[in-house]
Amino acid sequence: MSDNKFPAKWEKHLPSGFEDAVGTMGDEDMEETLVKCEKNIHITEKEKEDDDTINSAKTLVKDQSLKYNLYISMQKAKIRYIIHTMEGRGKVSDEVDDTLPAVDGKDGN
């Protein structure tokens, strides 16, 4: 058995008593439980795909976001055209700023 602690982000989703139950399982029982869990995930994902309410909500979000996405695309196109024009005038270097942004308070370099 590993000395590593099971991640809390997953542990909080375990049903009560599951850890103790797995501790008493043999290898075959654990493999059988894995297959059952995978089957449950497959069935649930399929049900989610077929859920009319969720699909209607996705369509609504997509439709409502369209004008914003088109506007953002237009602004990006304008930026790219200005950079293209500036390159043609020799005003933009070919150097890329490869500095990564800071993540979790750490320097990106």
PDB file of N, CA and C in Angstrom:
ATOM      1  N   MET A   1       0.840  -1.181   0.000  1.00  0.00           N
ATOM      2  CA  MET A   1       0.000   0.000   0.000  1.00  0.00           C
ATOM      3  C   MET A   1       0.884   1.242   0.000  1.00  0.00           C
ATOM      4  N   SER A   2       0.512   2.242  -0.721  1.00  0.00           N
ATOM      5  CA  SER A   2       1.284   3.473  -0.837  1.00  0.00           C
ATOM      6  C   SER A   2       1.115   4.327   0.414  1.00  0.00           C
ATOM      7  N   ASP A   3       2.176   5.053   0.774  1.00  0.00           N
ATOM      8  CA  ASP A   3       2.123   5.963   1.914  1.00  0.00           C
ATOM      9  C   ASP A   3       1.516   7.301   1.534  1.00  0.00           C
ATOM     10  N   ASN A   4       1.294   7.516   0.242  1.00  0.00           N
ATOM     11  CA  ASN A   4       0.752   8.787  -0.225  1.00  0.00           C
ATOM     12  C   ASN A   4      -0.704   8.932   0.172  1.00  0.00           C
ATOM     13  N   LYS A   5      -1.069  10.154   0.551  1.00  0.00           N
ATOM     14  CA  LYS A   5      -2.456  10.460   0.903  1.00  0.00           C
ATOM     15  C   LYS A   5      -3.267  10.620  -0.373  1.00  0.00           C
ATOM     16  N   PHE A   6      -4.464  10.056  -0.388  1.00  0.00           N
ATOM     17  CA  PHE A   6      -5.363  10.201  -1.527  1.00  0.00           C
ATOM     18  C   PHE A   6      -5.775  11.668  -1.618  1.00  0.00           C
ATOM     19  N   PRO A   7      -5.775  12.264  -2.827  1.00  0.00           N
ATOM     20  CA  PRO A   7      -6.083  13.688  -2.969  1.00  0.00           C
ATOM     21  C   PRO A   7      -7.464  14.059  -2.416  1.00  0.00           C
ATOM     22  N   ALA A   8      -7.496  15.107  -1.628  1.00  0.00           N
ATOM     23  CA  ALA A   8      -8.738  15.563  -0.986  1.00  0.00           C
ATOM     24  C   ALA A   8      -9.796  15.951  -2.012  1.00  0.00           C
ATOM     25  N   LYS A   9      -9.340  16.469  -3.178  1.00  0.00           N
ATOM     26  CA  LYS A   9     -10.319  16.893  -4.189  1.00  0.00           C
ATOM     27  C   LYS A   9     -11.134  15.711  -4.700  1.00  0.00           C
ATOM     28  N   TRP A  10     -10.601  14.502  -4.621  1.00  0.00           N
ATOM     29  CA  TRP A  10     -11.346  13.305  -5.021  1.00  0.00           C
ATOM     30  C   TRP A  10     -11.985  12.628  -3.822  1.00  0.00           C
ATOM     31  N   GLU A  11     -11.304  12.687  -2.703  1.00  0.00           N
ATOM     32  CA  GLU A  11     -11.796  12.016  -1.496  1.00  0.00           C
ATOM     33  C   GLU A  11     -13.167  12.538  -1.080  1.00  0.00           C
ATOM     34  N   LYS A  12     -13.396  13.830  -1.265  1.00  0.00           N
ATOM     35  CA  LYS A  12     -14.678  14.413  -0.858  1.00  0.00           C
ATOM     36  C   LYS A  12     -15.853  13.880  -1.672  1.00  0.00           C
ATOM     37  N   HIS A  13     -15.576  13.249  -2.811  1.00  0.00           N
ATOM     38  CA  HIS A  13     -16.636  12.703  -3.663  1.00  0.00           C
ATOM     39  C   HIS A  13     -16.914  11.221  -3.392  1.00  0.00           C
ATOM     40  N   LEU A  14     -16.093  10.598  -2.570  1.00  0.00           N
ATOM     41  CA  LEU A  14     -16.284   9.175  -2.291  1.00  0.00           C
ATOM     42  C   LEU A  14     -17.496   8.960  -1.382  1.00  0.00           C
ATOM     43  N   PRO A  15     -18.273   7.917  -1.665  1.00  0.00           N
ATOM     44  CA  PRO A  15     -19.389   7.618  -0.765  1.00  0.00           C
ATOM     45  C   PRO A  15     -18.860   7.144   0.588  1.00  0.00           C
ATOM     46  N   SER A  16     -19.651   7.350   1.602  1.00  0.00           N
ATOM     47  CA  SER A  16     -19.273   6.955   2.959  1.00  0.00           C
ATOM     48  C   SER A  16     -18.958   5.455   3.009  1.00  0.00           C
ATOM     49  N   GLY A  17     -17.837   5.117   3.604  1.00  0.00           N
ATOM     50  CA  GLY A  17     -17.451   3.719   3.782  1.00  0.00           C
ATOM     51  C   GLY A  17     -16.723   3.103   2.598  1.00  0.00           C
ATOM     52  N   PHE A  18     -16.584   3.836   1.509  1.00  0.00           N
ATOM     53  CA  PHE A  18     -15.965   3.279   0.311  1.00  0.00           C
ATOM     54  C   PHE A  18     -14.497   2.914   0.544  1.00  0.00           C
ATOM     55  N   GLU A  19     -13.773   3.774   1.237  1.00  0.00           N
ATOM     56  CA  GLU A  19     -12.350   3.508   1.469  1.00  0.00           C
ATOM     57  C   GLU A  19     -12.162   2.224   2.275  1.00  0.00           C
ATOM     58  N   ASP A  20     -12.989   2.031   3.291  1.00  0.00           N
ATOM     59  CA  ASP A  20     -12.899   0.815   4.092  1.00  0.00           C
ATOM     60  C   ASP A  20     -13.270  -0.413   3.257  1.00  0.00           C
ATOM     61  N   ALA A  21     -14.294  -0.267   2.423  1.00  0.00           N
ATOM     62  CA  ALA A  21     -14.729  -1.385   1.584  1.00  0.00           C
ATOM     63  C   ALA A  21     -13.621  -1.792   0.618  1.00  0.00           C
ATOM     64  N   VAL A  22     -12.968  -0.819   0.001  1.00  0.00           N
ATOM     65  CA  VAL A  22     -11.888  -1.123  -0.939  1.00  0.00           C
ATOM     66  C   VAL A  22     -10.722  -1.771  -0.206  1.00  0.00           C
ATOM     67  N   GLY A  23     -10.482  -1.351   1.032  1.00  0.00           N
ATOM     68  CA  GLY A  23      -9.397  -1.929   1.826  1.00  0.00           C
ATOM     69  C   GLY A  23      -9.561  -3.418   2.079  1.00  0.00           C
ATOM     70  N   THR A  24     -10.789  -3.885   2.035  1.00  0.00           N
ATOM     71  CA  THR A  24     -11.038  -5.313   2.277  1.00  0.00           C
ATOM     72  C   THR A  24     -11.211  -6.111   0.981  1.00  0.00           C
ATOM     73  N   MET A  25     -11.183  -5.423  -0.167  1.00  0.00           N
ATOM     74  CA  MET A  25     -11.384  -6.097  -1.457  1.00  0.00           C
ATOM     75  C   MET A  25     -10.112  -6.802  -1.913  1.00  0.00           C
ATOM     76  N   GLY A  26     -10.325  -7.910  -2.605  1.00  0.00           N
ATOM     77  CA  GLY A  26      -9.231  -8.570  -3.308  1.00  0.00           C
ATOM     78  C   GLY A  26      -9.062  -7.922  -4.672  1.00  0.00           C
ATOM     79  N   ASP A  27      -8.032  -8.340  -5.388  1.00  0.00           N
ATOM     80  CA  ASP A  27      -7.745  -7.756  -6.701  1.00  0.00           C
ATOM     81  C   ASP A  27      -8.912  -7.926  -7.673  1.00  0.00           C
ATOM     82  N   GLU A  28      -9.518  -9.117  -7.681  1.00  0.00           N
ATOM     83  CA  GLU A  28     -10.633  -9.356  -8.608  1.00  0.00           C
ATOM     84  C   GLU A  28     -11.828  -8.459  -8.291  1.00  0.00           C
ATOM     85  N   ASP A  29     -12.113  -8.273  -7.001  1.00  0.00           N
ATOM     86  CA  ASP A  29     -13.224  -7.398  -6.612  1.00  0.00           C
ATOM     87  C   ASP A  29     -12.951  -5.954  -7.016  1.00  0.00           C
ATOM     88  N   MET A  30     -11.697  -5.511  -6.877  1.00  0.00           N
ATOM     89  CA  MET A  30     -11.358  -4.143  -7.275  1.00  0.00           C
ATOM     90  C   MET A  30     -11.500  -3.976  -8.782  1.00  0.00           C
ATOM     91  N   GLU A  31     -11.047  -4.984  -9.550  1.00  0.00           N
ATOM     92  CA  GLU A  31     -11.183  -4.912 -11.005  1.00  0.00           C
ATOM     93  C   GLU A  31     -12.652  -4.894 -11.405  1.00  0.00           C
ATOM     94  N   GLU A  32     -13.479  -5.693 -10.755  1.00  0.00           N
ATOM     95  CA  GLU A  32     -14.911  -5.723 -11.037  1.00  0.00           C
ATOM     96  C   GLU A  32     -15.548  -4.368 -10.718  1.00  0.00           C
ATOM     97  N   THR A  33     -15.134  -3.769  -9.616  1.00  0.00           N
ATOM     98  CA  THR A  33     -15.655  -2.456  -9.235  1.00  0.00           C
ATOM     99  C   THR A  33     -15.217  -1.397 -10.239  1.00  0.00           C
ATOM    100  N   LEU A  34     -13.979  -1.478 -10.728  1.00  0.00           N
ATOM    101  CA  LEU A  34     -13.504  -0.545 -11.757  1.00  0.00           C
ATOM    102  C   LEU A  34     -14.378  -0.622 -13.000  1.00  0.00           C
ATOM    103  N   VAL A  35     -14.668  -1.835 -13.443  1.00  0.00           N
ATOM    104  CA  VAL A  35     -15.495  -2.020 -14.644  1.00  0.00           C
ATOM    105  C   VAL A  35     -16.897  -1.462 -14.409  1.00  0.00           C
ATOM    106  N   LYS A  36     -17.468  -1.708 -13.239  1.00  0.00           N
ATOM    107  CA  LYS A  36     -18.802  -1.181 -12.923  1.00  0.00           C
ATOM    108  C   LYS A  36     -18.786   0.348 -12.933  1.00  0.00           C
ATOM    109  N   CYS A  37     -17.752   0.946 -12.361  1.00  0.00           N
ATOM    110  CA  CYS A  37     -17.658   2.408 -12.326  1.00  0.00           C
ATOM    111  C   CYS A  37     -17.543   2.974 -13.737  1.00  0.00           C
ATOM    112  N   GLU A  38     -16.708   2.353 -14.578  1.00  0.00           N
ATOM    113  CA  GLU A  38     -16.563   2.809 -15.962  1.00  0.00           C
ATOM    114  C   GLU A  38     -17.890   2.695 -16.713  1.00  0.00           C
ATOM    115  N   LYS A  39     -18.608   1.592 -16.480  1.00  0.00           N
ATOM    116  CA  LYS A  39     -19.913   1.403 -17.119  1.00  0.00           C
ATOM    117  C   LYS A  39     -20.892   2.482 -16.651  1.00  0.00           C
ATOM    118  N   ASN A  40     -20.886   2.791 -15.356  1.00  0.00           N
ATOM    119  CA  ASN A  40     -21.758   3.834 -14.825  1.00  0.00           C
ATOM    120  C   ASN A  40     -21.435   5.196 -15.439  1.00  0.00           C
ATOM    121  N   ILE A  41     -20.150   5.484 -15.608  1.00  0.00           N
ATOM    122  CA  ILE A  41     -19.742   6.744 -16.236  1.00  0.00           C
ATOM    123  C   ILE A  41     -20.251   6.789 -17.672  1.00  0.00           C
ATOM    124  N   HIS A  42     -20.069   5.714 -18.406  1.00  0.00           N
ATOM    125  CA  HIS A  42     -20.515   5.652 -19.803  1.00  0.00           C
ATOM    126  C   HIS A  42     -22.020   5.913 -19.914  1.00  0.00           C
ATOM    127  N   ILE A  43     -22.794   5.253 -19.074  1.00  0.00           N
ATOM    128  CA  ILE A  43     -24.253   5.407 -19.102  1.00  0.00           C
ATOM    129  C   ILE A  43     -24.643   6.839 -18.755  1.00  0.00           C
ATOM    130  N   THR A  44     -24.014   7.392 -17.726  1.00  0.00           N
ATOM    131  CA  THR A  44     -24.342   8.748 -17.280  1.00  0.00           C
ATOM    132  C   THR A  44     -23.960   9.785 -18.326  1.00  0.00           C
ATOM    133  N   GLU A  45     -22.793   9.622 -18.956  1.00  0.00           N
ATOM    134  CA  GLU A  45     -22.385  10.553 -20.015  1.00  0.00           C
ATOM    135  C   GLU A  45     -23.346  10.497 -21.196  1.00  0.00           C
ATOM    136  N   LYS A  46     -23.810   9.299 -21.537  1.00  0.00           N
ATOM    137  CA  LYS A  46     -24.768   9.147 -22.628  1.00  0.00           C
ATOM    138  C   LYS A  46     -26.085   9.832 -22.279  1.00  0.00           C
ATOM    139  N   GLU A  47     -26.556   9.649 -21.044  1.00  0.00           N
ATOM    140  CA  GLU A  47     -27.787  10.301 -20.602  1.00  0.00           C
ATOM    141  C   GLU A  47     -27.638  11.823 -20.653  1.00  0.00           C
ATOM    142  N   LYS A  48     -26.462  12.304 -20.257  1.00  0.00           N
ATOM    143  CA  LYS A  48     -26.208  13.744 -20.291  1.00  0.00           C
ATOM    144  C   LYS A  48     -26.230  14.259 -21.729  1.00  0.00           C
ATOM    145  N   GLU A  49     -25.620  13.504 -22.655  1.00  0.00           N
ATOM    146  CA  GLU A  49     -25.631  13.879 -24.074  1.00  0.00           C
ATOM    147  C   GLU A  49     -27.050  13.954 -24.625  1.00  0.00           C
ATOM    148  N   ASP A  50     -27.922  13.077 -24.144  1.00  0.00           N
ATOM    149  CA  ASP A  50     -29.291  12.987 -24.646  1.00  0.00           C
ATOM    150  C   ASP A  50     -30.273  13.894 -23.899  1.00  0.00           C
ATOM    151  N   ASP A  51     -29.793  14.632 -22.893  1.00  0.00           N
ATOM    152  CA  ASP A  51     -30.669  15.472 -22.074  1.00  0.00           C
ATOM    153  C   ASP A  51     -31.091  16.709 -22.865  1.00  0.00           C
ATOM    154  N   ASP A  52     -32.375  16.800 -23.175  1.00  0.00           N
ATOM    155  CA  ASP A  52     -32.897  17.906 -23.981  1.00  0.00           C
ATOM    156  C   ASP A  52     -32.712  19.257 -23.293  1.00  0.00           C
ATOM    157  N   THR A  53     -32.866  19.296 -21.991  1.00  0.00           N
ATOM    158  CA  THR A  53     -32.715  20.561 -21.264  1.00  0.00           C
ATOM    159  C   THR A  53     -31.289  21.077 -21.369  1.00  0.00           C
ATOM    160  N   ILE A  54     -30.316  20.192 -21.175  1.00  0.00           N
ATOM    161  CA  ILE A  54     -28.909  20.593 -21.282  1.00  0.00           C
ATOM    162  C   ILE A  54     -28.588  21.016 -22.707  1.00  0.00           C
ATOM    163  N   ASN A  55     -29.063  20.249 -23.677  1.00  0.00           N
ATOM    164  CA  ASN A  55     -28.786  20.598 -25.074  1.00  0.00           C
ATOM    165  C   ASN A  55     -29.431  21.929 -25.462  1.00  0.00           C
ATOM    166  N   SER A  56     -30.627  22.190 -24.953  1.00  0.00           N
ATOM    167  CA  SER A  56     -31.279  23.478 -25.224  1.00  0.00           C
ATOM    168  C   SER A  56     -30.485  24.616 -24.601  1.00  0.00           C
ATOM    169  N   ALA A  57     -29.996  24.398 -23.391  1.00  0.00           N
ATOM    170  CA  ALA A  57     -29.205  25.428 -22.708  1.00  0.00           C
ATOM    171  C   ALA A  57     -27.902  25.692 -23.466  1.00  0.00           C
ATOM    172  N   LYS A  58     -27.243  24.634 -23.940  1.00  0.00           N
ATOM    173  CA  LYS A  58     -26.005  24.797 -24.718  1.00  0.00           C
ATOM    174  C   LYS A  58     -26.274  25.598 -25.984  1.00  0.00           C
ATOM    175  N   THR A  59     -27.377  25.278 -26.655  1.00  0.00           N
ATOM    176  CA  THR A  59     -27.735  25.995 -27.886  1.00  0.00           C
ATOM    177  C   THR A  59     -28.022  27.458 -27.577  1.00  0.00           C
ATOM    178  N   LEU A  60     -28.727  27.708 -26.491  1.00  0.00           N
ATOM    179  CA  LEU A  60     -29.037  29.080 -26.090  1.00  0.00           C
ATOM    180  C   LEU A  60     -27.754  29.861 -25.812  1.00  0.00           C
ATOM    181  N   VAL A  61     -26.842  29.265 -25.060  1.00  0.00           N
ATOM    182  CA  VAL A  61     -25.571  29.931 -24.752  1.00  0.00           C
ATOM    183  C   VAL A  61     -24.794  30.199 -26.037  1.00  0.00           C
ATOM    184  N   LYS A  62     -24.757  29.213 -26.908  1.00  0.00           N
ATOM    185  CA  LYS A  62     -24.046  29.378 -28.179  1.00  0.00           C
ATOM    186  C   LYS A  62     -24.657  30.516 -28.992  1.00  0.00           C
ATOM    187  N   ASP A  63     -25.975  30.526 -29.094  1.00  0.00           N
ATOM    188  CA  ASP A  63     -26.663  31.572 -29.862  1.00  0.00           C
ATOM    189  C   ASP A  63     -26.472  32.953 -29.233  1.00  0.00           C
ATOM    190  N   GLN A  64     -26.586  33.023 -27.910  1.00  0.00           N
ATOM    191  CA  GLN A  64     -26.458  34.305 -27.222  1.00  0.00           C
ATOM    192  C   GLN A  64     -25.023  34.827 -27.238  1.00  0.00           C
ATOM    193  N   SER A  65     -24.050  33.928 -27.307  1.00  0.00           N
ATOM    194  CA  SER A  65     -22.640  34.312 -27.313  1.00  0.00           C
ATOM    195  C   SER A  65     -22.156  34.721 -28.692  1.00  0.00           C
ATOM    196  N   LEU A  66     -22.898  34.383 -29.718  1.00  0.00           N
ATOM    197  CA  LEU A  66     -22.451  34.596 -31.087  1.00  0.00           C
ATOM    198  C   LEU A  66     -22.055  36.040 -31.361  1.00  0.00           C
ATOM    199  N   LYS A  67     -22.894  36.986 -30.978  1.00  0.00           N
ATOM    200  CA  LYS A  67     -22.579  38.389 -31.271  1.00  0.00           C
ATOM    201  C   LYS A  67     -21.307  38.834 -30.562  1.00  0.00           C
ATOM    202  N   TYR A  68     -21.091  38.345 -29.348  1.00  0.00           N
ATOM    203  CA  TYR A  68     -19.873  38.702 -28.618  1.00  0.00           C
ATOM    204  C   TYR A  68     -18.649  38.079 -29.276  1.00  0.00           C
ATOM    205  N   ASN A  69     -18.777  36.802 -29.641  1.00  0.00           N
ATOM    206  CA  ASN A  69     -17.655  36.112 -30.289  1.00  0.00           C
ATOM    207  C   ASN A  69     -17.308  36.751 -31.627  1.00  0.00           C
ATOM    208  N   LEU A  70     -18.341  37.144 -32.390  1.00  0.00           N
ATOM    209  CA  LEU A  70     -18.090  37.822 -33.674  1.00  0.00           C
ATOM    210  C   LEU A  70     -17.392  39.162 -33.456  1.00  0.00           C
ATOM    211  N   TYR A  71     -17.815  39.900 -32.442  1.00  0.00           N
ATOM    212  CA  TYR A  71     -17.198  41.190 -32.153  1.00  0.00           C
ATOM    213  C   TYR A  71     -15.736  41.012 -31.739  1.00  0.00           C
ATOM    214  N   ILE A  72     -15.477  40.028 -30.880  1.00  0.00           N
ATOM    215  CA  ILE A  72     -14.100  39.757 -30.448  1.00  0.00           C
ATOM    216  C   ILE A  72     -13.252  39.341 -31.645  1.00  0.00           C
ATOM    217  N   SER A  73     -13.800  38.504 -32.525  1.00  0.00           N
ATOM    218  CA  SER A  73     -13.074  38.092 -33.734  1.00  0.00           C
ATOM    219  C   SER A  73     -12.758  39.284 -34.619  1.00  0.00           C
ATOM    220  N   MET A  74     -13.711  40.211 -34.722  1.00  0.00           N
ATOM    221  CA  MET A  74     -13.473  41.400 -35.528  1.00  0.00           C
ATOM    222  C   MET A  74     -12.329  42.226 -34.929  1.00  0.00           C
ATOM    223  N   GLN A  75     -12.311  42.371 -33.615  1.00  0.00           N
ATOM    224  CA  GLN A  75     -11.256  43.149 -32.965  1.00  0.00           C
ATOM    225  C   GLN A  75      -9.891  42.476 -33.159  1.00  0.00           C
ATOM    226  N   LYS A  76      -9.855  41.152 -33.050  1.00  0.00           N
ATOM    227  CA  LYS A  76      -8.600  40.417 -33.273  1.00  0.00           C
ATOM    228  C   LYS A  76      -8.131  40.571 -34.714  1.00  0.00           C
ATOM    229  N   ALA A  77      -9.065  40.547 -35.651  1.00  0.00           N
ATOM    230  CA  ALA A  77      -8.712  40.726 -37.067  1.00  0.00           C
ATOM    231  C   ALA A  77      -8.139  42.115 -37.298  1.00  0.00           C
ATOM    232  N   LYS A  78      -8.728  43.127 -36.664  1.00  0.00           N
ATOM    233  CA  LYS A  78      -8.224  44.490 -36.791  1.00  0.00           C
ATOM    234  C   LYS A  78      -6.801  44.599 -36.243  1.00  0.00           C
ATOM    235  N   ILE A  79      -6.558  43.967 -35.094  1.00  0.00           N
ATOM    236  CA  ILE A  79      -5.216  43.965 -34.499  1.00  0.00           C
ATOM    237  C   ILE A  79      -4.227  43.313 -35.458  1.00  0.00           C
ATOM    238  N   ARG A  80      -4.593  42.158 -35.984  1.00  0.00           N
ATOM    239  CA  ARG A  80      -3.705  41.440 -36.896  1.00  0.00           C
ATOM    240  C   ARG A  80      -3.426  42.257 -38.167  1.00  0.00           C
ATOM    241  N   TYR A  81      -4.441  42.960 -38.657  1.00  0.00           N
ATOM    242  CA  TYR A  81      -4.245  43.768 -39.862  1.00  0.00           C
ATOM    243  C   TYR A  81      -3.318  44.949 -39.584  1.00  0.00           C
ATOM    244  N   ILE A  82      -3.489  45.566 -38.424  1.00  0.00           N
ATOM    245  CA  ILE A  82      -2.601  46.680 -38.070  1.00  0.00           C
ATOM    246  C   ILE A  82      -1.162  46.185 -37.944  1.00  0.00           C
ATOM    247  N   ILE A  83      -0.966  45.032 -37.289  1.00  0.00           N
ATOM    248  CA  ILE A  83       0.389  44.467 -37.167  1.00  0.00           C
ATOM    249  C   ILE A  83       0.945  44.132 -38.545  1.00  0.00           C
ATOM    250  N   HIS A  84       0.116  43.562 -39.400  1.00  0.00           N
ATOM    251  CA  HIS A  84       0.524  43.242 -40.766  1.00  0.00           C
ATOM    252  C   HIS A  84       0.976  44.510 -41.493  1.00  0.00           C
ATOM    253  N   THR A  85       0.208  45.568 -41.363  1.00  0.00           N
ATOM    254  CA  THR A  85       0.542  46.830 -42.018  1.00  0.00           C
ATOM    255  C   THR A  85       1.826  47.415 -41.442  1.00  0.00           C
ATOM    256  N   MET A  86       1.964  47.342 -40.115  1.00  0.00           N
ATOM    257  CA  MET A  86       3.174  47.864 -39.479  1.00  0.00           C
ATOM    258  C   MET A  86       4.407  47.056 -39.896  1.00  0.00           C
ATOM    259  N   GLU A  87       4.239  45.735 -40.043  1.00  0.00           N
ATOM    260  CA  GLU A  87       5.354  44.899 -40.527  1.00  0.00           C
ATOM    261  C   GLU A  87       5.778  45.340 -41.920  1.00  0.00           C
ATOM    262  N   GLY A  88       4.787  45.623 -42.767  1.00  0.00           N
ATOM    263  CA  GLY A  88       5.069  46.087 -44.112  1.00  0.00           C
ATOM    264  C   GLY A  88       5.834  47.402 -44.123  1.00  0.00           C
ATOM    265  N   ARG A  89       5.646  48.188 -43.098  1.00  0.00           N
ATOM    266  CA  ARG A  89       6.354  49.464 -42.976  1.00  0.00           C
ATOM    267  C   ARG A  89       7.671  49.327 -42.204  1.00  0.00           C
ATOM    268  N   GLY A  90       7.982  48.075 -41.787  1.00  0.00           N
ATOM    269  CA  GLY A  90       9.221  47.839 -41.054  1.00  0.00           C
ATOM    270  C   GLY A  90       9.179  48.316 -39.616  1.00  0.00           C
ATOM    271  N   LYS A  91       8.013  48.425 -39.048  1.00  0.00           N
ATOM    272  CA  LYS A  91       7.858  48.965 -37.695  1.00  0.00           C
ATOM    273  C   LYS A  91       7.714  47.884 -36.617  1.00  0.00           C
ATOM    274  N   VAL A  92       7.648  46.620 -37.022  1.00  0.00           N
ATOM    275  CA  VAL A  92       7.462  45.527 -36.061  1.00  0.00           C
ATOM    276  C   VAL A  92       8.597  44.536 -36.239  1.00  0.00           C
ATOM    277  N   SER A  93       9.228  44.154 -35.117  1.00  0.00           N
ATOM    278  CA  SER A  93      10.315  43.182 -35.208  1.00  0.00           C
ATOM    279  C   SER A  93       9.733  41.773 -35.263  1.00  0.00           C
ATOM    280  N   ASP A  94      10.574  40.831 -35.687  1.00  0.00           N
ATOM    281  CA  ASP A  94      10.153  39.432 -35.758  1.00  0.00           C
ATOM    282  C   ASP A  94      10.362  38.700 -34.439  1.00  0.00           C
ATOM    283  N   GLU A  95      10.849  39.401 -33.421  1.00  0.00           N
ATOM    284  CA  GLU A  95      11.103  38.769 -32.130  1.00  0.00           C
ATOM    285  C   GLU A  95       9.787  38.487 -31.424  1.00  0.00           C
ATOM    286  N   VAL A  96       9.741  37.315 -30.803  1.00  0.00           N
ATOM    287  CA  VAL A  96       8.553  36.921 -30.062  1.00  0.00           C
ATOM    288  C   VAL A  96       8.871  37.023 -28.581  1.00  0.00           C
ATOM    289  N   ASP A  97       7.966  37.607 -27.834  1.00  0.00           N
ATOM    290  CA  ASP A  97       8.118  37.667 -26.379  1.00  0.00           C
ATOM    291  C   ASP A  97       7.717  36.304 -25.837  1.00  0.00           C
ATOM    292  N   ASP A  98       8.708  35.526 -25.462  1.00  0.00           N
ATOM    293  CA  ASP A  98       8.423  34.159 -25.006  1.00  0.00           C
ATOM    294  C   ASP A  98       8.342  34.063 -23.487  1.00  0.00           C
ATOM    295  N   THR A  99       8.191  35.188 -22.834  1.00  0.00           N
ATOM    296  CA  THR A  99       8.036  35.192 -21.394  1.00  0.00           C
ATOM    297  C   THR A  99       6.654  34.662 -21.053  1.00  0.00           C
ATOM    298  N   LEU A 100       6.622  33.630 -20.248  1.00  0.00           N
ATOM    299  CA  LEU A 100       5.340  33.066 -19.843  1.00  0.00           C
ATOM    300  C   LEU A 100       4.748  33.894 -18.715  1.00  0.00           C
ATOM    301  N   PRO A 101       3.449  33.996 -18.653  1.00  0.00           N
ATOM    302  CA  PRO A 101       2.839  34.730 -17.545  1.00  0.00           C
ATOM    303  C   PRO A 101       3.044  33.985 -16.230  1.00  0.00           C
ATOM    304  N   ALA A 102       3.024  34.721 -15.161  1.00  0.00           N
ATOM    305  CA  ALA A 102       3.162  34.108 -13.834  1.00  0.00           C
ATOM    306  C   ALA A 102       1.961  33.229 -13.568  1.00  0.00           C
ATOM    307  N   VAL A 103       2.212  32.073 -12.955  1.00  0.00           N
ATOM    308  CA  VAL A 103       1.157  31.136 -12.607  1.00  0.00           C
ATOM    309  C   VAL A 103       1.262  30.848 -11.123  1.00  0.00           C
ATOM    310  N   ASP A 104       0.155  30.977 -10.408  1.00  0.00           N
ATOM    311  CA  ASP A 104       0.120  30.732  -8.968  1.00  0.00           C
ATOM    312  C   ASP A 104       1.203  31.500  -8.219  1.00  0.00           C
ATOM    313  N   GLY A 105       1.434  32.740  -8.625  1.00  0.00           N
ATOM    314  CA  GLY A 105       2.395  33.579  -7.929  1.00  0.00           C
ATOM    315  C   GLY A 105       3.839  33.265  -8.220  1.00  0.00           C
ATOM    316  N   LYS A 106       4.087  32.349  -9.145  1.00  0.00           N
ATOM    317  CA  LYS A 106       5.450  31.980  -9.495  1.00  0.00           C
ATOM    318  C   LYS A 106       5.844  32.680 -10.786  1.00  0.00           C
ATOM    319  N   ASP A 107       7.096  33.024 -10.889  1.00  0.00           N
ATOM    320  CA  ASP A 107       7.597  33.654 -12.114  1.00  0.00           C
ATOM    321  C   ASP A 107       7.458  32.657 -13.265  1.00  0.00           C
ATOM    322  N   GLY A 108       7.045  33.140 -14.418  1.00  0.00           N
ATOM    323  CA  GLY A 108       6.819  32.277 -15.564  1.00  0.00           C
ATOM    324  C   GLY A 108       8.078  31.838 -16.282  1.00  0.00           C
ATOM    325  N   ASN A 109       9.235  32.365 -15.923  1.00  0.00           N
ATOM    326  CA  ASN A 109      10.478  31.982 -16.613  1.00  0.00           C
ATOM    327  C   ASN A 109      11.121  30.793 -15.978  1.00  0.00           C
TER     328      ASN A 109
END
